[in-house]
Amino acid sequence: MSFVEAPKNTDKLVPSTQFLQLRHVEVPPSMYKAYRRWRDETIFDVVRNAEVVELFLAYHSTISTEPGVMFLSGFNGDVDAYMKVFNSERYKDIVQQAGNQYITGGEKGLYTRLYQLVS
């Protein structure tokens, strides 16, 4: 897995937000170029404009048991406020577009897992 880009970067080696969500999709390597253009105008636009999302990093893997794109999305505070970003009608439409055009397995190919920092 290698770092590709970050619409909301961090200057730390490891994200240190209270919550970290992993968001993974499998995108066929032949679609990466078109997918990256599309996601900059859609997914990344949503993330850049969501104050609650404090960091959003994109990693790609091609040789893996789970090839594709992994996003690390970090935030502090209220989980419900964060989830509103990704449960909005606009974002649901984006996921549908991705499922129709880029994600292997369609919309059901989006895997998410939320972790909380324990100190």
N, C-alpha and C. Protein backbone atom coordinates (compact mmCIF):
# COMPACT_ATOMS: atom_id res chain seq x y z
N MET A 1 0.85 -1.16 0.00
CA MET A 1 0.00 0.00 0.00
C MET A 1 0.90 1.23 0.00
N SER A 2 0.56 2.21 -0.81
CA SER A 2 1.36 3.43 -0.86
C SER A 2 0.46 4.66 -0.81
N PHE A 3 0.97 5.68 -0.13
CA PHE A 3 0.26 6.94 -0.02
C PHE A 3 0.16 7.57 -1.41
N VAL A 4 -1.01 8.14 -1.73
CA VAL A 4 -1.21 8.74 -3.04
C VAL A 4 -1.46 10.23 -2.92
N GLU A 5 -2.43 10.62 -2.10
CA GLU A 5 -2.75 12.04 -1.96
C GLU A 5 -3.65 12.26 -0.76
N ALA A 6 -3.81 13.53 -0.39
CA ALA A 6 -4.63 13.85 0.77
C ALA A 6 -5.35 15.17 0.56
N PRO A 7 -6.67 15.13 0.44
CA PRO A 7 -7.40 16.38 0.38
C PRO A 7 -7.38 17.12 1.72
N LYS A 8 -7.14 16.38 2.81
CA LYS A 8 -6.95 16.96 4.15
C LYS A 8 -5.81 16.19 4.80
N ASN A 9 -4.64 16.78 4.79
CA ASN A 9 -3.42 16.10 5.24
C ASN A 9 -3.16 16.32 6.72
N THR A 10 -2.20 15.59 7.24
CA THR A 10 -1.72 15.74 8.60
C THR A 10 -0.21 15.82 8.56
N ASP A 11 0.39 16.55 9.49
CA ASP A 11 1.85 16.63 9.53
C ASP A 11 2.45 15.58 10.45
N LYS A 12 1.60 14.70 10.98
CA LYS A 12 2.06 13.64 11.87
C LYS A 12 2.28 12.35 11.09
N LEU A 13 3.12 11.49 11.63
CA LEU A 13 3.37 10.21 10.97
C LEU A 13 2.16 9.28 11.05
N VAL A 14 1.43 9.38 12.15
CA VAL A 14 0.26 8.53 12.37
C VAL A 14 -0.90 9.44 12.75
N PRO A 15 -2.08 9.24 12.17
CA PRO A 15 -3.23 10.06 12.55
C PRO A 15 -3.48 9.99 14.06
N SER A 16 -3.81 11.12 14.66
CA SER A 16 -4.02 11.14 16.11
C SER A 16 -5.39 11.69 16.49
N THR A 17 -6.33 11.63 15.57
CA THR A 17 -7.68 12.08 15.88
C THR A 17 -8.35 11.07 16.82
N GLN A 18 -9.40 11.50 17.49
CA GLN A 18 -10.13 10.64 18.42
C GLN A 18 -10.74 9.44 17.69
N PHE A 19 -11.20 9.67 16.46
CA PHE A 19 -11.79 8.60 15.66
C PHE A 19 -11.08 8.50 14.32
N LEU A 20 -10.97 7.28 13.83
CA LEU A 20 -10.39 7.03 12.51
C LEU A 20 -11.29 6.03 11.80
N GLN A 21 -11.73 6.42 10.61
CA GLN A 21 -12.56 5.51 9.83
C GLN A 21 -11.75 5.03 8.63
N LEU A 22 -11.75 3.73 8.43
CA LEU A 22 -11.15 3.15 7.23
C LEU A 22 -12.27 2.98 6.23
N ARG A 23 -12.04 3.43 5.02
CA ARG A 23 -13.02 3.33 3.93
C ARG A 23 -12.28 2.67 2.76
N HIS A 24 -12.69 1.49 2.37
CA HIS A 24 -11.97 0.75 1.33
C HIS A 24 -12.89 0.37 0.18
N VAL A 25 -12.38 0.54 -1.02
CA VAL A 25 -13.07 0.07 -2.22
C VAL A 25 -12.04 -0.59 -3.13
N GLU A 26 -12.49 -1.57 -3.87
CA GLU A 26 -11.63 -2.18 -4.88
C GLU A 26 -11.93 -1.52 -6.21
N VAL A 27 -10.90 -0.91 -6.78
CA VAL A 27 -11.01 -0.26 -8.08
C VAL A 27 -10.04 -0.97 -9.01
N PRO A 28 -10.51 -1.48 -10.13
CA PRO A 28 -9.60 -2.14 -11.05
C PRO A 28 -8.47 -1.19 -11.46
N PRO A 29 -7.23 -1.65 -11.47
CA PRO A 29 -6.10 -0.77 -11.82
C PRO A 29 -6.30 -0.04 -13.16
N SER A 30 -6.97 -0.66 -14.10
CA SER A 30 -7.19 -0.01 -15.40
C SER A 30 -8.10 1.21 -15.27
N MET A 31 -8.82 1.34 -14.17
CA MET A 31 -9.75 2.45 -13.96
C MET A 31 -9.18 3.55 -13.07
N TYR A 32 -7.99 3.35 -12.50
CA TYR A 32 -7.44 4.31 -11.52
C TYR A 32 -7.38 5.74 -12.05
N LYS A 33 -6.90 5.92 -13.26
CA LYS A 33 -6.73 7.28 -13.78
C LYS A 33 -8.08 8.02 -13.85
N ALA A 34 -9.07 7.40 -14.43
CA ALA A 34 -10.40 8.02 -14.53
C ALA A 34 -11.02 8.17 -13.14
N TYR A 35 -10.83 7.17 -12.29
CA TYR A 35 -11.37 7.22 -10.93
C TYR A 35 -10.77 8.38 -10.14
N ARG A 36 -9.47 8.57 -10.25
CA ARG A 36 -8.82 9.66 -9.51
C ARG A 36 -9.35 11.02 -9.95
N ARG A 37 -9.57 11.23 -11.22
CA ARG A 37 -10.15 12.49 -11.71
C ARG A 37 -11.56 12.68 -11.13
N TRP A 38 -12.35 11.63 -11.24
CA TRP A 38 -13.73 11.68 -10.77
C TRP A 38 -13.79 11.93 -9.26
N ARG A 39 -12.98 11.22 -8.46
CA ARG A 39 -13.06 11.36 -7.01
C ARG A 39 -12.61 12.73 -6.54
N ASP A 40 -11.71 13.38 -7.27
CA ASP A 40 -11.28 14.73 -6.90
C ASP A 40 -12.46 15.70 -6.99
N GLU A 41 -13.33 15.48 -7.97
CA GLU A 41 -14.48 16.37 -8.17
C GLU A 41 -15.68 15.97 -7.32
N THR A 42 -15.66 14.80 -6.73
CA THR A 42 -16.84 14.32 -5.99
C THR A 42 -16.48 14.04 -4.53
N ILE A 43 -15.87 12.91 -4.26
CA ILE A 43 -15.54 12.51 -2.89
C ILE A 43 -14.69 13.57 -2.21
N PHE A 44 -13.61 13.98 -2.86
CA PHE A 44 -12.70 14.93 -2.23
C PHE A 44 -13.34 16.30 -2.07
N ASP A 45 -14.23 16.67 -2.96
CA ASP A 45 -14.94 17.94 -2.82
C ASP A 45 -15.80 17.93 -1.54
N VAL A 46 -16.49 16.84 -1.31
CA VAL A 46 -17.30 16.71 -0.09
C VAL A 46 -16.40 16.80 1.14
N VAL A 47 -15.31 16.06 1.14
CA VAL A 47 -14.41 16.01 2.28
C VAL A 47 -13.77 17.38 2.54
N ARG A 48 -13.31 18.04 1.49
CA ARG A 48 -12.67 19.36 1.67
C ARG A 48 -13.63 20.36 2.32
N ASN A 49 -14.91 20.23 2.03
CA ASN A 49 -15.90 21.18 2.52
C ASN A 49 -16.58 20.75 3.82
N ALA A 50 -16.19 19.62 4.37
CA ALA A 50 -16.78 19.13 5.62
C ALA A 50 -15.83 19.48 6.77
N GLU A 51 -16.21 20.46 7.55
CA GLU A 51 -15.35 20.90 8.66
C GLU A 51 -15.08 19.79 9.66
N VAL A 52 -16.04 18.91 9.88
CA VAL A 52 -15.89 17.85 10.87
C VAL A 52 -14.81 16.84 10.48
N VAL A 53 -14.53 16.68 9.19
CA VAL A 53 -13.48 15.76 8.73
C VAL A 53 -12.15 16.49 8.84
N GLU A 54 -11.29 16.02 9.73
CA GLU A 54 -10.03 16.71 10.00
C GLU A 54 -8.88 16.20 9.16
N LEU A 55 -8.94 14.95 8.75
CA LEU A 55 -7.92 14.44 7.84
C LEU A 55 -8.56 13.40 6.94
N PHE A 56 -8.03 13.31 5.73
CA PHE A 56 -8.54 12.34 4.77
C PHE A 56 -7.37 12.00 3.85
N LEU A 57 -6.89 10.78 3.97
CA LEU A 57 -5.70 10.33 3.24
C LEU A 57 -6.08 9.19 2.31
N ALA A 58 -5.49 9.17 1.13
CA ALA A 58 -5.77 8.11 0.15
C ALA A 58 -4.53 7.26 -0.08
N TYR A 59 -4.70 5.96 0.03
CA TYR A 59 -3.65 4.99 -0.24
C TYR A 59 -4.17 4.02 -1.30
N HIS A 60 -3.25 3.54 -2.14
CA HIS A 60 -3.62 2.56 -3.17
C HIS A 60 -2.74 1.32 -3.02
N SER A 61 -3.34 0.18 -3.28
CA SER A 61 -2.56 -1.05 -3.33
C SER A 61 -2.94 -1.80 -4.60
N THR A 62 -1.98 -2.45 -5.19
CA THR A 62 -2.26 -3.25 -6.38
C THR A 62 -1.92 -4.72 -6.14
N ILE A 63 -1.00 -4.98 -5.24
CA ILE A 63 -0.65 -6.36 -4.90
C ILE A 63 -1.05 -6.56 -3.45
N SER A 64 -2.17 -7.21 -3.25
CA SER A 64 -2.72 -7.35 -1.91
C SER A 64 -3.83 -8.39 -1.94
N THR A 65 -4.20 -8.88 -0.76
CA THR A 65 -5.38 -9.73 -0.70
C THR A 65 -6.63 -8.88 -0.85
N GLU A 66 -6.50 -7.56 -0.65
CA GLU A 66 -7.59 -6.61 -0.85
C GLU A 66 -7.08 -5.43 -1.66
N PRO A 67 -6.88 -5.62 -2.97
CA PRO A 67 -6.36 -4.52 -3.78
C PRO A 67 -7.38 -3.39 -3.90
N GLY A 68 -6.89 -2.21 -4.10
CA GLY A 68 -7.80 -1.09 -4.32
C GLY A 68 -7.36 0.17 -3.64
N VAL A 69 -8.33 0.89 -3.10
CA VAL A 69 -8.13 2.21 -2.53
C VAL A 69 -8.57 2.18 -1.07
N MET A 70 -7.70 2.65 -0.18
CA MET A 70 -8.03 2.76 1.24
C MET A 70 -7.95 4.22 1.63
N PHE A 71 -9.04 4.73 2.18
CA PHE A 71 -9.05 6.08 2.71
C PHE A 71 -8.99 6.01 4.22
N LEU A 72 -8.18 6.86 4.83
CA LEU A 72 -8.18 7.04 6.27
C LEU A 72 -8.83 8.39 6.52
N SER A 73 -9.93 8.38 7.25
CA SER A 73 -10.69 9.59 7.52
C SER A 73 -10.73 9.82 9.02
N GLY A 74 -10.17 10.94 9.48
CA GLY A 74 -10.07 11.19 10.91
C GLY A 74 -10.90 12.37 11.36
N PHE A 75 -11.44 12.24 12.57
CA PHE A 75 -12.24 13.32 13.14
C PHE A 75 -12.23 13.23 14.66
N ASN A 76 -12.60 14.32 15.30
CA ASN A 76 -12.77 14.39 16.74
C ASN A 76 -14.21 14.77 17.03
N GLY A 77 -14.72 14.34 18.17
CA GLY A 77 -16.04 14.80 18.57
C GLY A 77 -17.17 13.84 18.25
N ASP A 78 -18.27 14.40 17.80
CA ASP A 78 -19.53 13.69 17.66
C ASP A 78 -19.57 12.78 16.42
N VAL A 79 -19.80 11.50 16.65
CA VAL A 79 -19.86 10.52 15.56
C VAL A 79 -21.03 10.82 14.63
N ASP A 80 -22.18 11.21 15.19
CA ASP A 80 -23.35 11.49 14.36
C ASP A 80 -23.11 12.66 13.41
N ALA A 81 -22.43 13.70 13.90
CA ALA A 81 -22.12 14.86 13.04
C ALA A 81 -21.21 14.43 11.90
N TYR A 82 -20.25 13.58 12.19
CA TYR A 82 -19.34 13.06 11.16
C TYR A 82 -20.11 12.22 10.14
N MET A 83 -20.95 11.32 10.64
CA MET A 83 -21.68 10.42 9.75
C MET A 83 -22.65 11.16 8.83
N LYS A 84 -23.13 12.34 9.23
CA LYS A 84 -24.01 13.13 8.37
C LYS A 84 -23.34 13.46 7.04
N VAL A 85 -22.02 13.65 7.08
CA VAL A 85 -21.28 13.94 5.84
C VAL A 85 -21.45 12.81 4.84
N PHE A 86 -21.31 11.57 5.31
CA PHE A 86 -21.32 10.41 4.42
C PHE A 86 -22.71 9.78 4.26
N ASN A 87 -23.68 10.30 5.00
CA ASN A 87 -25.06 9.84 4.85
C ASN A 87 -25.93 10.86 4.13
N SER A 88 -25.31 11.94 3.66
CA SER A 88 -26.06 12.98 2.95
C SER A 88 -26.54 12.44 1.60
N GLU A 89 -27.55 13.08 1.05
CA GLU A 89 -28.06 12.68 -0.27
C GLU A 89 -26.97 12.81 -1.33
N ARG A 90 -26.18 13.88 -1.24
CA ARG A 90 -25.10 14.07 -2.23
C ARG A 90 -24.12 12.91 -2.16
N TYR A 91 -23.71 12.52 -0.96
CA TYR A 91 -22.72 11.46 -0.84
C TYR A 91 -23.31 10.10 -1.24
N LYS A 92 -24.57 9.88 -0.93
CA LYS A 92 -25.22 8.63 -1.38
C LYS A 92 -25.21 8.55 -2.90
N ASP A 93 -25.43 9.68 -3.56
CA ASP A 93 -25.37 9.72 -5.03
C ASP A 93 -23.96 9.42 -5.52
N ILE A 94 -22.96 9.96 -4.82
CA ILE A 94 -21.56 9.70 -5.19
C ILE A 94 -21.24 8.21 -5.07
N VAL A 95 -21.68 7.59 -3.99
CA VAL A 95 -21.44 6.15 -3.81
C VAL A 95 -22.13 5.35 -4.91
N GLN A 96 -23.32 5.77 -5.29
CA GLN A 96 -24.02 5.09 -6.38
C GLN A 96 -23.25 5.24 -7.69
N GLN A 97 -22.76 6.45 -7.97
CA GLN A 97 -21.95 6.67 -9.18
C GLN A 97 -20.71 5.78 -9.16
N ALA A 98 -20.03 5.76 -8.02
CA ALA A 98 -18.81 4.95 -7.89
C ALA A 98 -19.13 3.48 -8.12
N GLY A 99 -20.22 3.02 -7.53
CA GLY A 99 -20.62 1.63 -7.68
C GLY A 99 -20.94 1.27 -9.13
N ASN A 100 -21.53 2.21 -9.84
CA ASN A 100 -21.89 1.96 -11.24
C ASN A 100 -20.68 2.02 -12.17
N GLN A 101 -19.66 2.81 -11.81
CA GLN A 101 -18.56 3.05 -12.74
C GLN A 101 -17.20 2.50 -12.32
N TYR A 102 -16.91 2.48 -11.02
CA TYR A 102 -15.52 2.23 -10.61
C TYR A 102 -15.31 1.10 -9.60
N ILE A 103 -16.25 0.87 -8.71
CA ILE A 103 -16.03 -0.08 -7.62
C ILE A 103 -16.39 -1.49 -8.07
N THR A 104 -15.45 -2.42 -7.88
CA THR A 104 -15.72 -3.82 -8.13
C THR A 104 -16.79 -4.28 -7.14
N GLY A 105 -17.84 -4.88 -7.64
CA GLY A 105 -18.92 -5.33 -6.76
C GLY A 105 -19.97 -4.27 -6.51
N GLY A 106 -19.88 -3.14 -7.19
CA GLY A 106 -20.88 -2.10 -7.04
C GLY A 106 -20.84 -1.43 -5.68
N GLU A 107 -21.94 -0.81 -5.31
CA GLU A 107 -22.01 -0.07 -4.04
C GLU A 107 -21.69 -0.95 -2.84
N LYS A 108 -22.00 -2.23 -2.93
CA LYS A 108 -21.73 -3.14 -1.82
C LYS A 108 -20.25 -3.39 -1.63
N GLY A 109 -19.44 -2.92 -2.57
CA GLY A 109 -17.99 -3.07 -2.48
C GLY A 109 -17.33 -2.04 -1.58
N LEU A 110 -18.11 -1.12 -1.00
CA LEU A 110 -17.57 -0.12 -0.08
C LEU A 110 -17.54 -0.72 1.32
N TYR A 111 -16.33 -0.82 1.87
CA TYR A 111 -16.13 -1.35 3.22
C TYR A 111 -15.77 -0.19 4.12
N THR A 112 -16.42 -0.07 5.27
CA THR A 112 -16.05 0.96 6.24
C THR A 112 -15.94 0.33 7.62
N ARG A 113 -15.02 0.87 8.40
CA ARG A 113 -14.84 0.44 9.78
C ARG A 113 -14.40 1.65 10.58
N LEU A 114 -15.03 1.89 11.71
CA LEU A 114 -14.73 3.04 12.55
C LEU A 114 -14.01 2.60 13.80
N TYR A 115 -12.90 3.28 14.12
CA TYR A 115 -12.11 2.98 15.30
C TYR A 115 -12.03 4.23 16.19
N GLN A 116 -11.98 3.99 17.49
CA GLN A 116 -11.83 5.09 18.44
C GLN A 116 -10.50 4.94 19.16
N LEU A 117 -9.79 6.06 19.32
CA LEU A 117 -8.52 6.08 20.02
C LEU A 117 -8.76 5.80 21.49
N VAL A 118 -8.03 4.86 22.04
CA VAL A 118 -8.11 4.55 23.46
C VAL A 118 -6.80 4.99 24.10
N SER A 119 -6.93 5.82 25.11
CA SER A 119 -5.69 6.29 25.75
C SER A 119 -5.64 5.92 27.21
